Amino acid sequence: MPAHATAAADLERKRLTAEGFLEWLEPETCADLIDGAIRMHSPVSIPHANLLNFLDRLLGTYVDRYGLGTLFREVVAVRLDPRNVFQPDLAFYRAERRSAIRHNHVEGAPDLVVEVLSPSTAGRDTGPKFAAYEQHGVIEYWVLDPQTLGHRCYRRDGDEMVEYAAGAAKIESIAVPGFFVLREWLDPERTPPILEALARIGV
């Protein structure tokens, strides 16, 4: 077993601070610190990767085109508090929050988080991680299921996150002004050509 994996297994049996986790975390290592415990990510399925690739390109191009902020993908650590550091699939921060970006992590909850579910991580994404993001002020949280296509989107309403656009053909973001996706685009087997989708959203 690789030395880093062995170290991760040892650390899973003890509680870590965010600082300790960030010191341990290496480039290309995919893991979350949830309530002080390391939780490793497993390799994803091809449908998961296809859906994430599509959204990364679509949202990233839109954000860049209008100078709205910064979009991070997967291996960038987001520090919420001394016991919780996550690596969301996609994390968008508005331009005015540039000061939150540090050398090896970003401080505070993103404005928009997108998580594409995998069997090994779905319980975390919809359970303790969702609760932590809600507690720390995320504006919008998309949970996308590439297997069932049972995508669910949440936005902030006061102190709570409430579901919106349930079953709607069009999902409009409030965290990224003017950005939307059509629900039919979120089938990883039928994502449209990226230029076609960009044209639909005005890029």
C-alpha atoms as a PDB file:
ATOM      1  CA  MET A   1       0.000   0.000   0.000  1.00  0.00           C
ATOM      2  CA  PRO A   2       1.398   3.466  -0.878  1.00  0.00           C
ATOM      3  CA  ALA A   3       2.846   5.353   2.067  1.00  0.00           C
ATOM      4  CA  HIS A   4       0.397   8.242   1.654  1.00  0.00           C
ATOM      5  CA  ALA A   5      -2.577   5.891   1.709  1.00  0.00           C
ATOM      6  CA  THR A   6      -1.241   4.247   4.851  1.00  0.00           C
ATOM      7  CA  ALA A   7      -0.834   7.648   6.471  1.00  0.00           C
ATOM      8  CA  ALA A   8      -4.404   8.516   5.511  1.00  0.00           C
ATOM      9  CA  ALA A   9      -5.677   5.301   7.117  1.00  0.00           C
ATOM     10  CA  ASP A  10      -3.787   6.127  10.312  1.00  0.00           C
ATOM     11  CA  LEU A  11      -5.102   9.692  10.354  1.00  0.00           C
ATOM     12  CA  GLU A  12      -8.684   8.518   9.827  1.00  0.00           C
ATOM     13  CA  ARG A  13      -8.524   7.049  13.339  1.00  0.00           C
ATOM     14  CA  LYS A  14      -7.765  10.401  14.960  1.00  0.00           C
ATOM     15  CA  ARG A  15      -9.244  13.890  14.856  1.00  0.00           C
ATOM     16  CA  LEU A  16      -7.429  16.571  12.891  1.00  0.00           C
ATOM     17  CA  THR A  17      -7.629  20.329  12.775  1.00  0.00           C
ATOM     18  CA  ALA A  18      -8.064  22.109   9.460  1.00  0.00           C
ATOM     19  CA  GLU A  19      -4.446  23.263   9.676  1.00  0.00           C
ATOM     20  CA  GLY A  20      -3.191  19.721  10.214  1.00  0.00           C
ATOM     21  CA  PHE A  21      -5.269  18.447   7.331  1.00  0.00           C
ATOM     22  CA  LEU A  22      -4.028  21.163   4.961  1.00  0.00           C
ATOM     23  CA  GLU A  23      -0.435  20.341   5.923  1.00  0.00           C
ATOM     24  CA  TRP A  24      -1.068  16.635   5.233  1.00  0.00           C
ATOM     25  CA  LEU A  25      -2.944  17.223   1.972  1.00  0.00           C
ATOM     26  CA  GLU A  26      -0.807  16.773  -1.148  1.00  0.00           C
ATOM     27  CA  PRO A  27      -1.461  17.835  -4.753  1.00  0.00           C
ATOM     28  CA  GLU A  28      -3.804  15.398  -6.515  1.00  0.00           C
ATOM     29  CA  THR A  29      -4.952  13.907  -3.197  1.00  0.00           C
ATOM     30  CA  CYS A  30      -8.750  13.887  -3.080  1.00  0.00           C
ATOM     31  CA  ALA A  31     -10.144  13.928   0.442  1.00  0.00           C
ATOM     32  CA  ASP A  32     -12.406  15.873   2.789  1.00  0.00           C
ATOM     33  CA  LEU A  33     -11.995  16.662   6.457  1.00  0.00           C
ATOM     34  CA  ILE A  34     -15.448  16.150   7.990  1.00  0.00           C
ATOM     35  CA  ASP A  35     -15.793  16.961  11.675  1.00  0.00           C
ATOM     36  CA  GLY A  36     -12.067  16.362  12.099  1.00  0.00           C
ATOM     37  CA  ALA A  37     -11.950  13.006  10.269  1.00  0.00           C
ATOM     38  CA  ILE A  38     -10.348  12.365   6.874  1.00  0.00           C
ATOM     39  CA  ARG A  39     -12.656  10.879   4.273  1.00  0.00           C
ATOM     40  CA  MET A  40     -10.934   9.842   1.041  1.00  0.00           C
ATOM     41  CA  HIS A  41     -12.585  10.141  -2.391  1.00  0.00           C
ATOM     42  CA  SER A  42     -12.763   7.121  -4.687  1.00  0.00           C
ATOM     43  CA  PRO A  43     -12.250   7.289  -8.468  1.00  0.00           C
ATOM     44  CA  VAL A  44     -15.432   8.412 -10.228  1.00  0.00           C
ATOM     45  CA  SER A  45     -17.485   6.789 -12.962  1.00  0.00           C
ATOM     46  CA  ILE A  46     -17.361   7.941 -16.574  1.00  0.00           C
ATOM     47  CA  PRO A  47     -20.916   9.420 -16.399  1.00  0.00           C
ATOM     48  CA  HIS A  48     -19.833  11.365 -13.307  1.00  0.00           C
ATOM     49  CA  ALA A  49     -16.737  12.656 -15.117  1.00  0.00           C
ATOM     50  CA  ASN A  50     -18.704  13.524 -18.275  1.00  0.00           C
ATOM     51  CA  LEU A  51     -21.276  15.574 -16.356  1.00  0.00           C
ATOM     52  CA  LEU A  52     -18.634  17.345 -14.300  1.00  0.00           C
ATOM     53  CA  ASN A  53     -16.522  18.109 -17.392  1.00  0.00           C
ATOM     54  CA  PHE A  54     -19.538  19.629 -19.134  1.00  0.00           C
ATOM     55  CA  LEU A  55     -20.509  21.850 -16.212  1.00  0.00           C
ATOM     56  CA  ASP A  56     -16.927  22.891 -15.560  1.00  0.00           C
ATOM     57  CA  ARG A  57     -16.512  24.090 -19.138  1.00  0.00           C
ATOM     58  CA  LEU A  58     -19.950  25.691 -19.349  1.00  0.00           C
ATOM     59  CA  LEU A  59     -19.890  27.534 -16.028  1.00  0.00           C
ATOM     60  CA  GLY A  60     -16.182  28.351 -16.205  1.00  0.00           C
ATOM     61  CA  THR A  61     -16.513  29.950 -19.633  1.00  0.00           C
ATOM     62  CA  TYR A  62     -19.560  31.941 -18.521  1.00  0.00           C
ATOM     63  CA  VAL A  63     -17.828  33.183 -15.360  1.00  0.00           C
ATOM     64  CA  ASP A  64     -14.722  34.188 -17.328  1.00  0.00           C
ATOM     65  CA  ARG A  65     -16.733  35.878 -20.089  1.00  0.00           C
ATOM     66  CA  TYR A  66     -18.480  38.212 -17.660  1.00  0.00           C
ATOM     67  CA  GLY A  67     -15.702  38.546 -15.079  1.00  0.00           C
ATOM     68  CA  LEU A  68     -17.914  37.258 -12.285  1.00  0.00           C
ATOM     69  CA  GLY A  69     -15.305  35.596 -10.096  1.00  0.00           C
ATOM     70  CA  THR A  70     -13.391  32.337  -9.844  1.00  0.00           C
ATOM     71  CA  LEU A  71     -14.464  28.740 -10.398  1.00  0.00           C
ATOM     72  CA  PHE A  72     -12.459  25.981  -8.723  1.00  0.00           C
ATOM     73  CA  ARG A  73     -12.669  22.277  -9.478  1.00  0.00           C
ATOM     74  CA  GLU A  74     -12.223  19.229  -7.203  1.00  0.00           C
ATOM     75  CA  VAL A  75      -8.718  19.398  -5.797  1.00  0.00           C
ATOM     76  CA  VAL A  76      -8.939  22.909  -4.320  1.00  0.00           C
ATOM     77  CA  ALA A  77      -9.550  22.791  -0.563  1.00  0.00           C
ATOM     78  CA  VAL A  78     -12.307  24.917   0.970  1.00  0.00           C
ATOM     79  CA  ARG A  79     -11.832  25.625   4.693  1.00  0.00           C
ATOM     80  CA  LEU A  80     -15.117  26.186   6.492  1.00  0.00           C
ATOM     81  CA  ASP A  81     -13.963  26.005  10.111  1.00  0.00           C
ATOM     82  CA  PRO A  82     -11.276  24.358  12.292  1.00  0.00           C
ATOM     83  CA  ARG A  83     -12.730  20.844  11.720  1.00  0.00           C
ATOM     84  CA  ASN A  84     -14.171  20.965   8.206  1.00  0.00           C
ATOM     85  CA  VAL A  85     -12.232  21.285   4.945  1.00  0.00           C
ATOM     86  CA  PHE A  86     -13.896  20.067   1.750  1.00  0.00           C
ATOM     87  CA  GLN A  87     -12.905  19.602  -1.884  1.00  0.00           C
ATOM     88  CA  PRO A  88     -16.154  20.226  -3.780  1.00  0.00           C
ATOM     89  CA  ASP A  89     -16.539  19.159  -7.394  1.00  0.00           C
ATOM     90  CA  LEU A  90     -17.138  22.791  -8.375  1.00  0.00           C
ATOM     91  CA  ALA A  91     -16.878  25.872  -6.169  1.00  0.00           C
ATOM     92  CA  PHE A  92     -17.662  29.388  -7.380  1.00  0.00           C
ATOM     93  CA  TYR A  93     -16.550  32.520  -5.524  1.00  0.00           C
ATOM     94  CA  ARG A  94     -17.710  35.999  -6.566  1.00  0.00           C
ATOM     95  CA  ALA A  95     -15.041  38.450  -7.703  1.00  0.00           C
ATOM     96  CA  GLU A  96     -15.431  40.584  -4.578  1.00  0.00           C
ATOM     97  CA  ARG A  97     -14.360  37.606  -2.455  1.00  0.00           C
ATOM     98  CA  ARG A  98     -10.919  37.323  -4.036  1.00  0.00           C
ATOM     99  CA  SER A  99      -9.300  37.956  -0.648  1.00  0.00           C
ATOM    100  CA  ALA A 100     -10.614  34.550   0.518  1.00  0.00           C
ATOM    101  CA  ILE A 101      -8.200  32.791  -1.863  1.00  0.00           C
ATOM    102  CA  ARG A 102      -5.037  31.703  -0.048  1.00  0.00           C
ATOM    103  CA  HIS A 103      -1.938  29.850  -1.209  1.00  0.00           C
ATOM    104  CA  ASN A 104      -3.217  26.298  -0.629  1.00  0.00           C
ATOM    105  CA  HIS A 105      -6.936  26.724   0.125  1.00  0.00           C
ATOM    106  CA  VAL A 106      -9.918  29.072   0.059  1.00  0.00           C
ATOM    107  CA  GLU A 107     -11.452  30.460   3.241  1.00  0.00           C
ATOM    108  CA  GLY A 108     -15.199  30.248   3.738  1.00  0.00           C
ATOM    109  CA  ALA A 109     -18.121  28.638   1.958  1.00  0.00           C
ATOM    110  CA  PRO A 110     -18.368  29.166  -1.805  1.00  0.00           C
ATOM    111  CA  ASP A 111     -21.259  31.140  -3.245  1.00  0.00           C
ATOM    112  CA  LEU A 112     -22.190  28.129  -5.384  1.00  0.00           C
ATOM    113  CA  VAL A 113     -21.233  24.503  -4.785  1.00  0.00           C
ATOM    114  CA  VAL A 114     -21.900  21.747  -7.317  1.00  0.00           C
ATOM    115  CA  GLU A 115     -21.509  18.131  -6.191  1.00  0.00           C
ATOM    116  CA  VAL A 116     -21.925  15.254  -8.642  1.00  0.00           C
ATOM    117  CA  LEU A 117     -22.881  12.197  -6.635  1.00  0.00           C
ATOM    118  CA  SER A 118     -20.918   8.948  -6.501  1.00  0.00           C
ATOM    119  CA  PRO A 119     -22.065   5.850  -4.587  1.00  0.00           C
ATOM    120  CA  SER A 120     -19.161   6.173  -2.135  1.00  0.00           C
ATOM    121  CA  THR A 121     -19.679   9.870  -1.351  1.00  0.00           C
ATOM    122  CA  ALA A 122     -23.406  10.527  -1.837  1.00  0.00           C
ATOM    123  CA  GLY A 123     -24.170  10.170   1.878  1.00  0.00           C
ATOM    124  CA  ARG A 124     -21.565  12.798   2.773  1.00  0.00           C
ATOM    125  CA  ASP A 125     -22.605  15.229   0.038  1.00  0.00           C
ATOM    126  CA  THR A 126     -26.257  15.138   1.070  1.00  0.00           C
ATOM    127  CA  GLY A 127     -25.614  14.787   4.823  1.00  0.00           C
ATOM    128  CA  PRO A 128     -22.781  16.311   6.878  1.00  0.00           C
ATOM    129  CA  LYS A 129     -21.270  18.338   4.042  1.00  0.00           C
ATOM    130  CA  PHE A 130     -24.635  19.821   3.071  1.00  0.00           C
ATOM    131  CA  ALA A 131     -25.250  20.749   6.721  1.00  0.00           C
ATOM    132  CA  ALA A 132     -21.820  22.346   7.061  1.00  0.00           C
ATOM    133  CA  TYR A 133     -22.234  24.402   3.897  1.00  0.00           C
ATOM    134  CA  GLU A 134     -25.664  25.524   5.082  1.00  0.00           C
ATOM    135  CA  GLN A 135     -24.255  26.538   8.469  1.00  0.00           C
ATOM    136  CA  HIS A 136     -21.421  28.514   6.882  1.00  0.00           C
ATOM    137  CA  GLY A 137     -23.503  30.557   4.475  1.00  0.00           C
ATOM    138  CA  VAL A 138     -23.362  28.938   1.029  1.00  0.00           C
ATOM    139  CA  ILE A 139     -25.832  30.703  -1.272  1.00  0.00           C
ATOM    140  CA  GLU A 140     -26.569  27.830  -3.619  1.00  0.00           C
ATOM    141  CA  TYR A 141     -25.934  24.066  -3.571  1.00  0.00           C
ATOM    142  CA  TRP A 142     -26.552  21.738  -6.518  1.00  0.00           C
ATOM    143  CA  VAL A 143     -26.587  17.974  -5.959  1.00  0.00           C
ATOM    144  CA  LEU A 144     -26.514  16.157  -9.299  1.00  0.00           C
ATOM    145  CA  ASP A 145     -27.064  12.424  -9.704  1.00  0.00           C
ATOM    146  CA  PRO A 146     -25.603  11.097 -12.975  1.00  0.00           C
ATOM    147  CA  GLN A 147     -27.254   7.695 -12.480  1.00  0.00           C
ATOM    148  CA  THR A 148     -30.877   8.491 -11.612  1.00  0.00           C
ATOM    149  CA  LEU A 149     -30.877  12.061 -13.020  1.00  0.00           C
ATOM    150  CA  GLY A 150     -32.677  13.023  -9.792  1.00  0.00           C
ATOM    151  CA  HIS A 151     -30.919  16.370  -9.642  1.00  0.00           C
ATOM    152  CA  ARG A 152     -31.753  18.638  -6.684  1.00  0.00           C
ATOM    153  CA  CYS A 153     -30.921  22.306  -6.301  1.00  0.00           C
ATOM    154  CA  TYR A 154     -31.000  24.375  -3.126  1.00  0.00           C
ATOM    155  CA  ARG A 155     -30.708  28.092  -2.429  1.00  0.00           C
ATOM    156  CA  ARG A 156     -30.488  30.147   0.721  1.00  0.00           C
ATOM    157  CA  ASP A 157     -33.661  31.429   2.331  1.00  0.00           C
ATOM    158  CA  GLY A 158     -32.635  33.204   5.519  1.00  0.00           C
ATOM    159  CA  ASP A 159     -30.676  30.755   7.656  1.00  0.00           C
ATOM    160  CA  GLU A 160     -31.805  27.664   5.738  1.00  0.00           C
ATOM    161  CA  MET A 161     -31.338  26.067   2.345  1.00  0.00           C
ATOM    162  CA  VAL A 162     -34.580  25.343   0.479  1.00  0.00           C
ATOM    163  CA  GLU A 163     -35.055  23.295  -2.655  1.00  0.00           C
ATOM    164  CA  TYR A 164     -36.030  25.107  -5.830  1.00  0.00           C
ATOM    165  CA  ALA A 165     -36.668  24.298  -9.510  1.00  0.00           C
ATOM    166  CA  ALA A 166     -37.831  20.784  -8.563  1.00  0.00           C
ATOM    167  CA  GLY A 167     -38.639  19.112 -11.875  1.00  0.00           C
ATOM    168  CA  ALA A 168     -38.325  22.408 -13.756  1.00  0.00           C
ATOM    169  CA  ALA A 169     -36.993  22.314 -17.297  1.00  0.00           C
ATOM    170  CA  LYS A 170     -34.747  25.327 -16.598  1.00  0.00           C
ATOM    171  CA  ILE A 171     -32.549  25.798 -13.526  1.00  0.00           C
ATOM    172  CA  GLU A 172     -31.546  29.428 -12.980  1.00  0.00           C
ATOM    173  CA  SER A 173     -28.713  30.302 -10.608  1.00  0.00           C
ATOM    174  CA  ILE A 174     -28.942  33.155  -8.127  1.00  0.00           C
ATOM    175  CA  ALA A 175     -25.294  32.912  -7.090  1.00  0.00           C
ATOM    176  CA  VAL A 176     -24.069  33.347 -10.681  1.00  0.00           C
ATOM    177  CA  PRO A 177     -26.170  36.155 -12.205  1.00  0.00           C
ATOM    178  CA  GLY A 178     -27.722  35.251 -15.553  1.00  0.00           C
ATOM    179  CA  PHE A 179     -26.433  31.690 -15.600  1.00  0.00           C
ATOM    180  CA  PHE A 180     -28.790  28.784 -16.171  1.00  0.00           C
ATOM    181  CA  VAL A 181     -28.825  25.208 -17.376  1.00  0.00           C
ATOM    182  CA  LEU A 182     -31.583  23.216 -18.981  1.00  0.00           C
ATOM    183  CA  ARG A 183     -32.338  20.045 -17.075  1.00  0.00           C
ATOM    184  CA  GLU A 184     -32.024  18.000 -20.260  1.00  0.00           C
ATOM    185  CA  TRP A 185     -28.373  19.083 -20.469  1.00  0.00           C
ATOM    186  CA  LEU A 186     -27.637  17.300 -17.183  1.00  0.00           C
ATOM    187  CA  ASP A 187     -27.908  13.801 -18.631  1.00  0.00           C
ATOM    188  CA  PRO A 188     -24.246  12.720 -18.927  1.00  0.00           C
ATOM    189  CA  GLU A 189     -25.122  10.540 -21.922  1.00  0.00           C
ATOM    190  CA  ARG A 190     -26.705  13.471 -23.801  1.00  0.00           C
ATOM    191  CA  THR A 191     -24.852  16.655 -22.889  1.00  0.00           C
ATOM    192  CA  PRO A 192     -25.075  19.119 -25.797  1.00  0.00           C
ATOM    193  CA  PRO A 193     -22.052  20.483 -27.661  1.00  0.00           C
ATOM    194  CA  ILE A 194     -20.492  23.075 -25.387  1.00  0.00           C
ATOM    195  CA  LEU A 195     -20.626  25.870 -27.967  1.00  0.00           C
ATOM    196  CA  GLU A 196     -24.322  25.230 -28.540  1.00  0.00           C
ATOM    197  CA  ALA A 197     -25.054  25.410 -24.821  1.00  0.00           C
ATOM    198  CA  LEU A 198     -22.943  28.550 -24.409  1.00  0.00           C
ATOM    199  CA  ALA A 199     -24.871  30.233 -27.198  1.00  0.00           C
ATOM    200  CA  ARG A 200     -28.149  29.443 -25.420  1.00  0.00           C
ATOM    201  CA  ILE A 201     -26.970  31.191 -22.256  1.00  0.00           C
ATOM    202  CA  GLY A 202     -25.629  34.215 -24.083  1.00  0.00           C
ATOM    203  CA  VAL A 203     -21.890  33.649 -24.371  1.00  0.00           C
END
